[in-house]
N, C-alpha and C. Protein backbone atom coordinates (compact mmCIF):
# COMPACT_ATOMS: atom_id res chain seq x y z
N MET A 1 -11.27 -11.18 -22.33
CA MET A 1 -11.27 -11.48 -20.86
C MET A 1 -12.69 -12.46 -20.53
N SER A 2 -12.84 -12.96 -19.33
CA SER A 2 -14.06 -13.56 -18.96
C SER A 2 -15.14 -12.42 -18.56
N SER A 3 -16.22 -12.20 -19.52
CA SER A 3 -16.79 -10.83 -19.37
C SER A 3 -17.46 -10.98 -18.12
N ASP A 4 -18.08 -12.13 -17.44
CA ASP A 4 -18.79 -12.06 -16.17
C ASP A 4 -17.88 -11.76 -14.96
N VAL A 5 -16.57 -12.16 -14.85
CA VAL A 5 -15.66 -12.11 -13.95
C VAL A 5 -15.12 -10.65 -14.03
N ILE A 6 -14.82 -10.12 -15.23
CA ILE A 6 -14.39 -8.91 -15.48
C ILE A 6 -14.98 -7.91 -15.00
N SER A 7 -16.47 -8.14 -15.51
CA SER A 7 -17.63 -7.01 -15.15
C SER A 7 -17.53 -6.91 -13.80
N GLU A 8 -17.71 -8.04 -13.06
CA GLU A 8 -17.61 -7.78 -11.63
C GLU A 8 -16.27 -7.22 -10.91
N LEU A 9 -15.31 -7.72 -11.54
CA LEU A 9 -14.18 -6.92 -10.93
C LEU A 9 -14.38 -5.29 -11.33
N LEU A 10 -14.60 -4.91 -12.52
CA LEU A 10 -14.66 -3.48 -12.53
C LEU A 10 -15.68 -2.82 -11.93
N HIS A 11 -16.99 -3.68 -11.65
CA HIS A 11 -17.83 -3.20 -10.62
C HIS A 11 -17.26 -2.67 -9.19
N ALA A 12 -16.65 -3.90 -8.74
CA ALA A 12 -15.96 -3.76 -7.45
C ALA A 12 -15.04 -2.37 -7.19
N VAL A 13 -14.32 -2.45 -8.44
CA VAL A 13 -13.40 -1.05 -8.38
C VAL A 13 -13.95 0.21 -8.54
N ALA A 14 -15.14 0.24 -9.37
CA ALA A 14 -15.96 1.39 -9.28
C ALA A 14 -16.68 1.93 -8.05
N THR A 15 -17.32 0.73 -7.57
CA THR A 15 -18.15 0.98 -6.25
C THR A 15 -17.13 1.19 -4.97
N SER A 16 -15.83 1.04 -4.97
CA SER A 16 -15.04 1.30 -4.07
C SER A 16 -15.14 2.84 -4.10
N GLY A 17 -14.92 3.69 -5.04
CA GLY A 17 -14.97 5.14 -5.20
C GLY A 17 -13.57 5.65 -5.13
N TYR A 18 -12.58 4.63 -4.87
CA TYR A 18 -11.27 5.08 -4.84
C TYR A 18 -10.40 5.24 -5.98
N HIS A 19 -10.25 6.40 -6.64
CA HIS A 19 -9.74 6.45 -8.04
C HIS A 19 -9.85 5.38 -8.94
N PRO A 20 -11.33 5.02 -9.44
CA PRO A 20 -11.63 4.02 -10.16
C PRO A 20 -11.07 4.04 -11.53
N ASP A 21 -10.80 5.30 -12.04
CA ASP A 21 -10.26 5.50 -13.54
C ASP A 21 -8.83 4.82 -13.65
N ALA A 22 -7.81 5.18 -12.49
CA ALA A 22 -6.45 4.98 -12.49
C ALA A 22 -6.41 3.56 -12.20
N VAL A 23 -7.31 2.84 -11.30
CA VAL A 23 -7.27 1.46 -10.95
C VAL A 23 -7.62 0.55 -12.05
N THR A 24 -8.68 1.02 -12.61
CA THR A 24 -9.19 0.39 -14.16
C THR A 24 -8.25 0.26 -14.88
N SER A 25 -7.86 1.39 -15.35
CA SER A 25 -6.70 1.64 -16.41
C SER A 25 -5.55 0.73 -16.05
N ALA A 26 -4.84 0.65 -15.06
CA ALA A 26 -3.83 -0.25 -14.75
C ALA A 26 -4.29 -1.65 -14.78
N LEU A 27 -5.27 -1.99 -14.25
CA LEU A 27 -5.82 -3.45 -14.42
C LEU A 27 -5.95 -3.92 -15.86
N ILE A 28 -6.85 -3.22 -16.58
CA ILE A 28 -6.97 -3.51 -18.08
C ILE A 28 -5.53 -3.72 -18.93
N GLU A 29 -4.68 -2.78 -18.70
CA GLU A 29 -3.25 -2.87 -19.40
C GLU A 29 -2.65 -4.16 -18.73
N ALA A 30 -2.75 -4.44 -17.53
CA ALA A 30 -1.86 -5.46 -16.88
C ALA A 30 -2.40 -6.89 -17.20
N ILE A 31 -3.79 -6.99 -17.45
CA ILE A 31 -4.43 -8.15 -17.59
C ILE A 31 -4.17 -8.58 -19.28
N ALA A 32 -4.32 -7.51 -20.11
CA ALA A 32 -3.71 -7.74 -21.54
C ALA A 32 -4.76 -8.58 -22.41
N ASP A 33 -6.06 -8.71 -22.06
CA ASP A 33 -7.05 -9.23 -22.66
C ASP A 33 -7.25 -10.66 -22.39
N GLU A 34 -6.26 -11.22 -21.29
CA GLU A 34 -6.44 -12.67 -20.92
C GLU A 34 -7.93 -12.71 -20.17
N PRO A 35 -8.45 -13.90 -19.92
CA PRO A 35 -9.63 -14.01 -19.12
C PRO A 35 -9.13 -14.03 -17.75
N VAL A 36 -10.21 -13.56 -16.77
CA VAL A 36 -9.70 -13.37 -15.47
C VAL A 36 -10.66 -14.78 -14.78
N SER A 37 -10.07 -15.23 -14.19
CA SER A 37 -11.00 -16.50 -13.45
C SER A 37 -11.31 -16.33 -11.81
N SER A 38 -10.55 -15.34 -11.37
CA SER A 38 -10.89 -14.67 -9.79
C SER A 38 -10.28 -13.75 -9.46
N PHE A 39 -10.87 -12.83 -8.68
CA PHE A 39 -10.24 -11.57 -8.27
C PHE A 39 -10.30 -11.36 -6.74
N VAL A 40 -9.59 -10.69 -5.95
CA VAL A 40 -10.11 -10.11 -4.60
C VAL A 40 -9.62 -8.39 -4.80
N SER A 41 -10.64 -7.79 -4.16
CA SER A 41 -10.06 -6.35 -4.20
C SER A 41 -10.33 -6.01 -2.68
N HIS A 42 -9.35 -4.91 -2.23
CA HIS A 42 -9.40 -4.57 -0.74
C HIS A 42 -9.06 -2.85 -0.80
N HIS A 43 -9.98 -2.19 -0.13
CA HIS A 43 -9.78 -0.95 -0.07
C HIS A 43 -9.71 -0.63 1.32
N GLU A 44 -8.44 0.00 1.79
CA GLU A 44 -8.25 0.33 3.11
C GLU A 44 -7.82 1.86 3.53
N PRO A 45 -8.43 2.45 4.39
CA PRO A 45 -8.11 3.63 4.84
C PRO A 45 -6.93 3.43 6.19
N THR A 46 -5.94 4.29 6.16
CA THR A 46 -5.12 4.26 7.28
C THR A 46 -4.85 5.64 7.87
N PHE A 47 -4.69 5.65 9.16
CA PHE A 47 -4.66 6.82 9.99
C PHE A 47 -3.11 7.11 10.00
N ASP A 48 -2.76 8.40 9.63
CA ASP A 48 -1.42 8.66 9.88
C ASP A 48 -1.17 10.14 10.50
N ARG A 49 -1.24 10.22 11.87
CA ARG A 49 -1.37 11.23 12.55
C ARG A 49 -2.65 12.23 12.28
N HIS A 50 -2.55 13.18 12.00
CA HIS A 50 -3.82 13.97 11.42
C HIS A 50 -4.35 13.82 10.00
N GLU A 51 -4.06 12.66 9.44
CA GLU A 51 -4.36 12.61 8.10
C GLU A 51 -4.99 11.06 7.73
N ILE A 52 -5.90 11.10 6.94
CA ILE A 52 -6.25 9.86 6.70
C ILE A 52 -5.86 9.41 4.98
N ARG A 53 -5.08 8.34 5.09
CA ARG A 53 -4.48 7.93 3.90
C ARG A 53 -5.12 6.64 3.19
N ARG A 54 -5.62 6.50 2.18
CA ARG A 54 -6.38 5.54 1.70
C ARG A 54 -5.42 4.55 0.61
N HIS A 55 -5.51 3.47 0.63
CA HIS A 55 -4.97 2.52 -0.47
C HIS A 55 -5.89 1.50 -1.01
N MET A 56 -5.45 1.07 -2.23
CA MET A 56 -6.49 0.08 -2.69
C MET A 56 -5.42 -1.22 -3.31
N SER A 57 -5.76 -2.50 -2.96
CA SER A 57 -5.02 -3.60 -3.50
C SER A 57 -6.06 -4.51 -4.41
N VAL A 58 -5.85 -4.66 -5.74
CA VAL A 58 -6.39 -5.77 -6.49
C VAL A 58 -5.47 -6.67 -7.05
N LEU A 59 -5.96 -8.00 -6.70
CA LEU A 59 -5.31 -9.12 -7.02
C LEU A 59 -6.56 -9.81 -8.26
N ALA A 60 -5.80 -10.23 -9.64
CA ALA A 60 -6.55 -10.78 -10.58
C ALA A 60 -5.78 -11.83 -10.97
N LEU A 61 -6.55 -13.05 -11.28
CA LEU A 61 -5.89 -14.24 -11.70
C LEU A 61 -6.44 -14.60 -12.97
N THR A 62 -5.44 -14.76 -13.98
CA THR A 62 -5.51 -15.00 -15.26
C THR A 62 -5.10 -16.74 -15.56
N PRO A 63 -5.11 -17.22 -16.69
CA PRO A 63 -4.85 -18.68 -17.00
C PRO A 63 -3.13 -18.40 -16.57
N THR A 64 -2.28 -17.53 -16.85
CA THR A 64 -1.00 -17.76 -17.08
C THR A 64 -0.14 -16.65 -15.74
N ARG A 65 -0.92 -15.79 -15.21
CA ARG A 65 -0.48 -14.97 -14.34
C ARG A 65 -1.20 -14.47 -13.15
N LEU A 66 -0.47 -13.79 -12.08
CA LEU A 66 -1.16 -13.39 -11.13
C LEU A 66 -0.82 -11.72 -11.30
N VAL A 67 -2.02 -10.94 -11.41
CA VAL A 67 -1.84 -9.48 -11.71
C VAL A 67 -2.12 -8.83 -10.21
N VAL A 68 -1.35 -8.13 -9.77
CA VAL A 68 -1.30 -7.43 -8.44
C VAL A 68 -1.38 -5.84 -8.89
N THR A 69 -2.09 -5.21 -8.30
CA THR A 69 -2.21 -3.80 -8.34
C THR A 69 -2.28 -3.18 -7.07
N HIS A 70 -1.58 -2.23 -6.88
CA HIS A 70 -1.77 -1.40 -5.49
C HIS A 70 -1.91 0.29 -6.03
N THR A 71 -2.80 0.91 -5.29
CA THR A 71 -3.04 2.36 -5.68
C THR A 71 -2.75 2.93 -4.14
N ASP A 72 -1.98 4.06 -3.81
CA ASP A 72 -2.02 4.69 -2.88
C ASP A 72 -2.14 6.26 -3.00
N GLU A 73 -2.31 6.94 -1.97
CA GLU A 73 -2.33 8.29 -2.02
C GLU A 73 -1.39 8.98 -1.27
N HIS A 74 -0.83 10.08 -1.72
CA HIS A 74 0.20 10.84 -1.20
C HIS A 74 -0.30 12.34 -0.79
N PRO A 75 0.12 12.94 0.22
CA PRO A 75 -0.22 14.08 0.66
C PRO A 75 0.38 15.32 -0.30
N GLY A 76 1.46 14.93 -1.07
CA GLY A 76 2.23 15.93 -1.70
C GLY A 76 3.70 16.03 -1.12
N ASP A 77 4.82 16.34 -1.97
CA ASP A 77 6.20 16.42 -1.32
C ASP A 77 6.89 17.27 -2.26
N ALA A 78 8.17 17.07 -2.38
CA ALA A 78 8.93 17.98 -3.06
C ALA A 78 9.00 17.67 -4.57
N LEU A 79 8.48 16.35 -4.86
CA LEU A 79 8.38 16.03 -6.48
C LEU A 79 7.22 16.76 -6.87
N LEU A 80 5.98 16.80 -6.24
CA LEU A 80 4.86 17.29 -6.62
C LEU A 80 4.17 17.55 -5.43
N PRO A 81 3.69 19.18 -5.40
CA PRO A 81 3.57 19.83 -4.15
C PRO A 81 1.99 19.36 -3.68
N GLU A 82 1.20 19.13 -4.59
CA GLU A 82 -0.26 18.92 -4.63
C GLU A 82 -0.21 17.33 -4.31
N PRO A 83 -1.65 16.98 -3.67
CA PRO A 83 -1.60 15.45 -3.45
C PRO A 83 -1.66 14.70 -4.56
N TYR A 84 -1.32 13.37 -4.55
CA TYR A 84 -1.26 12.68 -6.14
C TYR A 84 -1.53 11.14 -5.50
N THR A 85 -1.73 10.36 -6.66
CA THR A 85 -2.19 8.97 -6.40
C THR A 85 -1.14 8.31 -7.29
N THR A 86 -0.43 7.15 -6.75
CA THR A 86 0.21 6.23 -7.50
C THR A 86 -0.38 4.95 -7.56
N THR A 87 -0.41 4.25 -8.94
CA THR A 87 -0.88 2.81 -8.99
C THR A 87 0.49 2.24 -9.48
N THR A 88 0.39 0.99 -9.26
CA THR A 88 1.36 0.23 -9.44
C THR A 88 0.71 -1.11 -9.81
N ALA A 89 1.30 -1.85 -11.14
CA ALA A 89 0.69 -3.10 -11.47
C ALA A 89 1.96 -3.77 -11.69
N GLU A 90 1.75 -5.25 -11.37
CA GLU A 90 2.92 -6.07 -11.44
C GLU A 90 2.20 -7.39 -11.94
N SER A 91 2.74 -8.20 -12.91
CA SER A 91 2.26 -9.49 -13.55
C SER A 91 3.42 -10.44 -12.99
N ILE A 92 2.82 -11.53 -12.37
CA ILE A 92 3.75 -12.54 -11.99
C ILE A 92 3.13 -13.89 -12.74
N ALA A 93 4.05 -14.54 -13.49
CA ALA A 93 3.86 -15.76 -14.13
C ALA A 93 3.77 -16.72 -13.19
N LEU A 94 2.53 -17.70 -13.19
CA LEU A 94 2.11 -18.75 -12.14
C LEU A 94 3.20 -19.71 -11.63
N HIS A 95 3.96 -19.85 -12.68
CA HIS A 95 5.00 -20.97 -12.53
C HIS A 95 6.00 -20.30 -11.64
N ARG A 96 6.09 -18.88 -11.51
CA ARG A 96 7.17 -18.12 -10.61
C ARG A 96 6.83 -17.96 -9.33
N LEU A 97 5.33 -18.58 -8.84
CA LEU A 97 5.17 -18.46 -7.29
C LEU A 97 5.78 -19.46 -6.58
N ASN A 98 6.29 -19.00 -5.64
CA ASN A 98 6.96 -19.84 -4.72
C ASN A 98 6.14 -20.53 -3.74
N THR A 99 5.24 -19.48 -2.88
CA THR A 99 4.36 -19.84 -1.85
C THR A 99 3.15 -19.25 -1.91
N VAL A 100 2.19 -19.75 -1.33
CA VAL A 100 0.90 -19.09 -1.00
C VAL A 100 0.61 -19.64 0.36
N VAL A 101 0.56 -18.61 1.12
CA VAL A 101 0.38 -18.91 2.43
C VAL A 101 -1.17 -18.14 3.05
N VAL A 102 -1.71 -18.96 3.76
CA VAL A 102 -3.27 -18.44 4.00
C VAL A 102 -3.52 -18.87 5.42
N THR A 103 -3.63 -17.88 6.23
CA THR A 103 -3.80 -17.77 7.62
C THR A 103 -5.35 -17.37 8.14
N ARG A 104 -5.85 -18.23 8.65
CA ARG A 104 -7.26 -17.99 9.03
C ARG A 104 -7.32 -17.50 10.67
N LEU A 105 -8.05 -16.67 11.17
CA LEU A 105 -8.39 -16.56 12.48
C LEU A 105 -9.75 -16.77 12.77
N VAL A 106 -10.12 -17.70 13.73
CA VAL A 106 -11.44 -18.13 14.04
C VAL A 106 -11.52 -17.97 15.49
N THR A 107 -12.85 -17.71 16.04
CA THR A 107 -12.92 -17.75 17.33
C THR A 107 -13.00 -18.86 18.03
N THR A 108 -12.36 -19.04 19.34
CA THR A 108 -12.60 -20.46 19.86
C THR A 108 -13.76 -20.85 20.32
N SER A 109 -14.65 -20.23 20.68
CA SER A 109 -16.18 -20.52 21.29
C SER A 109 -17.13 -20.98 19.95
N ASP A 110 -17.31 -20.40 19.04
CA ASP A 110 -18.12 -20.73 17.84
C ASP A 110 -17.33 -21.43 16.71
N GLN A 111 -16.01 -21.19 16.48
CA GLN A 111 -15.31 -21.31 15.19
C GLN A 111 -15.79 -20.40 14.18
N SER A 112 -16.20 -19.28 14.46
CA SER A 112 -16.56 -18.38 13.58
C SER A 112 -15.41 -17.52 12.86
N LEU A 113 -15.39 -17.55 11.51
CA LEU A 113 -14.41 -16.99 10.77
C LEU A 113 -14.29 -15.40 11.02
N GLN A 114 -13.18 -14.83 11.69
CA GLN A 114 -12.92 -13.44 11.96
C GLN A 114 -12.14 -12.86 11.07
N GLU A 115 -10.99 -13.31 10.39
CA GLU A 115 -10.32 -12.70 9.27
C GLU A 115 -9.47 -13.72 8.71
N ALA A 116 -8.82 -13.02 7.81
CA ALA A 116 -8.03 -14.16 6.66
C ALA A 116 -6.77 -13.21 6.36
N VAL A 117 -5.65 -13.93 6.10
CA VAL A 117 -4.33 -13.12 5.59
C VAL A 117 -3.93 -14.16 4.62
N LEU A 118 -3.52 -13.54 3.49
CA LEU A 118 -3.14 -14.10 2.21
C LEU A 118 -1.58 -13.55 2.15
N THR A 119 -0.70 -14.24 2.10
CA THR A 119 0.68 -13.95 1.77
C THR A 119 1.25 -14.70 0.47
N ILE A 120 1.87 -13.99 -0.46
CA ILE A 120 2.31 -14.79 -1.53
C ILE A 120 3.66 -14.26 -1.86
N SER A 121 4.45 -15.32 -2.17
CA SER A 121 5.92 -15.16 -2.56
C SER A 121 6.29 -15.47 -3.87
N TRP A 122 6.96 -14.73 -4.51
CA TRP A 122 7.51 -15.06 -6.01
C TRP A 122 9.06 -14.67 -5.88
N GLY A 123 9.60 -14.33 -4.91
CA GLY A 123 11.02 -14.22 -4.82
C GLY A 123 11.55 -13.01 -5.14
N THR A 124 10.85 -11.97 -5.17
CA THR A 124 11.07 -10.49 -5.40
C THR A 124 11.66 -9.99 -4.23
N VAL A 125 10.82 -10.10 -2.85
CA VAL A 125 10.99 -9.23 -1.75
C VAL A 125 11.17 -10.35 -0.68
N SER A 126 12.14 -10.24 0.24
CA SER A 126 12.33 -10.97 1.42
C SER A 126 12.49 -10.31 2.65
N ARG A 127 11.81 -10.77 3.73
CA ARG A 127 12.16 -10.08 5.10
C ARG A 127 13.06 -10.79 5.74
N LEU A 128 14.22 -10.17 6.31
CA LEU A 128 15.15 -10.30 7.18
C LEU A 128 15.16 -10.24 8.63
N GLU A 129 14.92 -11.25 9.64
CA GLU A 129 14.91 -10.86 10.98
C GLU A 129 15.84 -11.54 11.72
N LEU A 130 16.48 -10.87 12.39
CA LEU A 130 17.70 -11.18 12.80
C LEU A 130 17.58 -10.90 14.50
N GLU A 131 18.30 -11.63 15.39
CA GLU A 131 18.15 -11.55 16.53
C GLU A 131 19.60 -12.11 17.18
N PRO A 132 20.03 -11.53 18.50
CA PRO A 132 21.53 -12.03 18.96
C PRO A 132 21.43 -13.52 19.49
N ALA A 133 22.45 -14.01 18.78
CA ALA A 133 22.55 -15.47 18.90
C ALA A 133 23.04 -15.70 20.34
N ILE A 134 22.58 -16.91 21.00
CA ILE A 134 22.93 -17.10 22.43
C ILE A 134 23.38 -18.69 22.63
N CYS A 135 24.17 -18.83 23.51
CA CYS A 135 24.37 -20.34 23.99
C CYS A 135 23.57 -20.65 25.03
N ASP A 136 23.88 -21.84 25.43
CA ASP A 136 23.35 -22.84 26.51
C ASP A 136 23.77 -22.24 27.97
N ASP A 137 25.17 -21.70 28.01
CA ASP A 137 25.40 -21.13 29.35
C ASP A 137 24.99 -19.94 29.55
N PRO A 138 24.24 -19.87 30.66
CA PRO A 138 23.58 -18.70 31.41
C PRO A 138 24.49 -17.63 31.77
N ASP A 139 25.84 -17.98 31.97
CA ASP A 139 26.84 -17.11 32.61
C ASP A 139 27.98 -16.49 31.25
N CYS A 140 27.53 -16.99 30.05
CA CYS A 140 28.24 -16.64 29.15
C CYS A 140 28.10 -15.14 28.77
N THR A 141 29.39 -14.42 28.31
CA THR A 141 29.25 -13.11 28.08
C THR A 141 29.79 -12.90 26.57
N ALA A 142 29.93 -14.07 26.02
CA ALA A 142 30.61 -14.05 24.62
C ALA A 142 29.67 -13.40 23.71
N ASP A 143 30.19 -12.84 22.88
CA ASP A 143 29.36 -12.37 21.54
C ASP A 143 29.35 -13.36 20.55
N HIS A 144 27.90 -14.00 20.34
CA HIS A 144 27.96 -15.29 19.26
C HIS A 144 27.29 -14.85 18.15
N GLY A 145 27.37 -13.47 17.88
CA GLY A 145 26.72 -13.22 16.47
C GLY A 145 25.24 -13.02 16.56
N TYR A 146 24.76 -13.26 15.44
CA TYR A 146 23.36 -13.23 15.13
C TYR A 146 22.78 -14.54 14.22
N SER A 147 21.41 -14.61 14.61
CA SER A 147 20.92 -15.66 14.09
C SER A 147 19.50 -15.24 13.44
N GLY A 148 19.36 -15.99 12.66
CA GLY A 148 18.03 -15.23 11.75
C GLY A 148 17.21 -16.18 10.96
N ALA A 149 16.19 -15.58 10.11
CA ALA A 149 15.59 -16.12 9.16
C ALA A 149 15.23 -15.06 7.99
N ILE A 150 15.01 -15.65 6.79
CA ILE A 150 14.84 -14.94 5.78
C ILE A 150 13.48 -15.51 5.19
N THR A 151 12.35 -14.68 4.95
CA THR A 151 11.07 -15.22 4.89
C THR A 151 10.71 -14.35 3.46
N GLY A 152 10.22 -15.15 2.52
CA GLY A 152 9.60 -14.55 1.32
C GLY A 152 8.55 -13.73 1.72
N ASP A 153 8.53 -12.46 1.23
CA ASP A 153 7.27 -11.74 1.49
C ASP A 153 7.11 -10.75 0.66
N ASP A 154 6.81 -11.29 -0.50
CA ASP A 154 6.24 -10.03 -1.64
C ASP A 154 5.00 -9.43 -1.67
N PHE A 155 3.96 -9.98 -1.02
CA PHE A 155 2.52 -9.59 -0.98
C PHE A 155 1.86 -10.18 0.22
N THR A 156 1.33 -9.40 0.84
CA THR A 156 0.42 -9.70 2.23
C THR A 156 -0.79 -9.07 2.13
N LEU A 157 -2.07 -9.60 2.00
CA LEU A 157 -3.49 -9.04 2.22
C LEU A 157 -4.12 -9.50 3.39
N ARG A 158 -4.60 -8.71 4.38
CA ARG A 158 -5.25 -9.30 5.48
C ARG A 158 -6.78 -8.39 5.45
N ILE A 159 -7.56 -9.36 5.52
CA ILE A 159 -9.01 -8.87 5.31
C ILE A 159 -9.90 -9.30 6.69
N SER A 160 -10.72 -8.51 7.40
CA SER A 160 -11.19 -8.85 8.60
C SER A 160 -12.82 -8.75 8.43
N ALA A 161 -13.59 -9.59 9.12
CA ALA A 161 -14.91 -9.55 9.07
C ALA A 161 -15.54 -8.29 9.64
N ALA A 162 -14.69 -7.91 10.96
CA ALA A 162 -15.12 -6.48 11.52
C ALA A 162 -15.16 -5.54 10.56
N ALA A 163 -13.98 -5.25 9.93
CA ALA A 163 -13.84 -4.34 9.17
C ALA A 163 -14.51 -4.22 7.80
N ASP A 164 -14.27 -5.27 7.07
CA ASP A 164 -14.69 -5.49 5.82
C ASP A 164 -16.07 -6.20 5.16
N GLY A 165 -16.30 -6.93 6.54
CA GLY A 165 -17.55 -8.09 6.44
C GLY A 165 -16.99 -9.38 6.21
N GLY A 166 -17.60 -10.36 6.57
CA GLY A 166 -17.66 -11.58 6.21
C GLY A 166 -17.47 -12.19 4.81
N HIS A 167 -18.55 -11.42 3.99
CA HIS A 167 -18.41 -11.97 2.59
C HIS A 167 -17.00 -11.53 1.95
N ALA A 168 -16.06 -10.49 2.50
CA ALA A 168 -14.81 -9.97 1.97
C ALA A 168 -14.03 -11.19 2.25
N VAL A 169 -13.93 -11.72 3.70
CA VAL A 169 -13.15 -12.61 4.06
C VAL A 169 -13.33 -14.04 3.38
N GLU A 170 -14.57 -14.25 2.99
CA GLU A 170 -14.94 -15.47 2.35
C GLU A 170 -14.47 -15.51 0.89
N ARG A 171 -14.53 -14.18 0.46
CA ARG A 171 -13.87 -13.87 -0.97
C ARG A 171 -12.49 -13.97 -1.17
N LEU A 172 -11.62 -13.64 -0.04
CA LEU A 172 -10.40 -13.70 -0.01
C LEU A 172 -9.94 -15.30 0.00
N LEU A 173 -10.67 -15.81 0.91
CA LEU A 173 -10.32 -17.42 1.07
C LEU A 173 -10.71 -18.31 -0.34
N ALA A 174 -11.71 -17.79 -1.06
CA ALA A 174 -12.13 -18.24 -2.43
C ALA A 174 -10.99 -17.96 -3.34
N PHE A 175 -10.64 -16.79 -3.29
CA PHE A 175 -9.43 -16.51 -4.24
C PHE A 175 -8.09 -17.11 -4.14
N ALA A 176 -7.79 -17.29 -2.57
CA ALA A 176 -6.61 -18.25 -2.37
C ALA A 176 -6.64 -19.38 -2.77
N LYS A 177 -7.64 -20.31 -2.81
CA LYS A 177 -8.01 -21.58 -3.03
C LYS A 177 -7.94 -21.63 -4.74
N THR A 178 -8.38 -20.43 -5.44
CA THR A 178 -8.21 -20.58 -7.01
C THR A 178 -6.79 -20.40 -7.34
N LEU A 179 -6.05 -19.46 -6.49
CA LEU A 179 -4.70 -19.30 -6.83
C LEU A 179 -3.87 -20.51 -6.47
N ASN A 180 -4.18 -21.26 -5.38
CA ASN A 180 -3.44 -22.57 -5.21
C ASN A 180 -3.28 -23.42 -6.18
N ALA A 181 -4.71 -23.79 -6.64
CA ALA A 181 -5.15 -24.73 -7.77
C ALA A 181 -4.30 -24.25 -8.97
N ALA A 182 -4.35 -22.98 -9.40
CA ALA A 182 -3.58 -22.56 -10.56
C ALA A 182 -1.93 -22.65 -10.47
N SER A 183 -1.67 -22.39 -9.22
CA SER A 183 -0.08 -22.65 -9.09
C SER A 183 0.35 -24.02 -9.13
N ALA A 184 -0.43 -24.76 -8.48
CA ALA A 184 -0.14 -26.29 -8.61
C ALA A 184 -0.29 -26.54 -10.03
N ARG A 185 -1.22 -26.12 -10.76
CA ARG A 185 -1.06 -26.69 -12.27
C ARG A 185 -0.06 -26.23 -12.97
N SER A 186 0.49 -24.77 -12.78
CA SER A 186 1.32 -24.46 -13.50
C SER A 186 2.74 -25.09 -13.29
N LYS A 187 2.85 -25.90 -12.03
CA LYS A 187 4.13 -26.65 -11.84
C LYS A 187 3.91 -28.01 -11.90
N ALA A 188 2.92 -28.52 -12.41
CA ALA A 188 2.64 -30.07 -12.76
C ALA A 188 3.43 -30.63 -13.85
N PRO A 189 4.19 -31.55 -13.75
CA PRO A 189 4.98 -32.14 -14.94
C PRO A 189 3.91 -32.31 -16.22
N ALA A 190 4.60 -31.99 -17.40
CA ALA A 190 3.82 -32.02 -18.53
C ALA A 190 3.73 -33.54 -18.97
């Protein structure tokens, strides 16, 4: 592993204070001794009625793969009555990435960067959006079925300057740039 980048990654996980042992263990196993060229981590609390639930996403880029880990807290259920945490790690070969979409939100007045959204698709999860189909006749009452679109949506990460700081938004954009370059190289003809 690239010692500087992996040290910085492990430091980011540790300083988040969010189940660092579970997150670190999942990352180390998934990275599997490959060097890490870039990463982004995001720890986010969410409010669910009277509870605060937290989750953390970490993306790490190696020469051959994108490693995505996601850790969630659960309040307890029939499976396990006490609160518990789950961590999932997925490794995606770079040549399998279909799309990398980056959306930037900037203010109109001074063009300051307010947030960025990174959406990555590799063909595992798709979102289907349907709506009733209509025709051009305003008096038509016939059922024209549905029309819709299928969108690849395997992973989305939104980071805002207001919640996470401008440096976190910049880090997401730097990661996206590195991921785009690595994805393009993996598809280049030999």
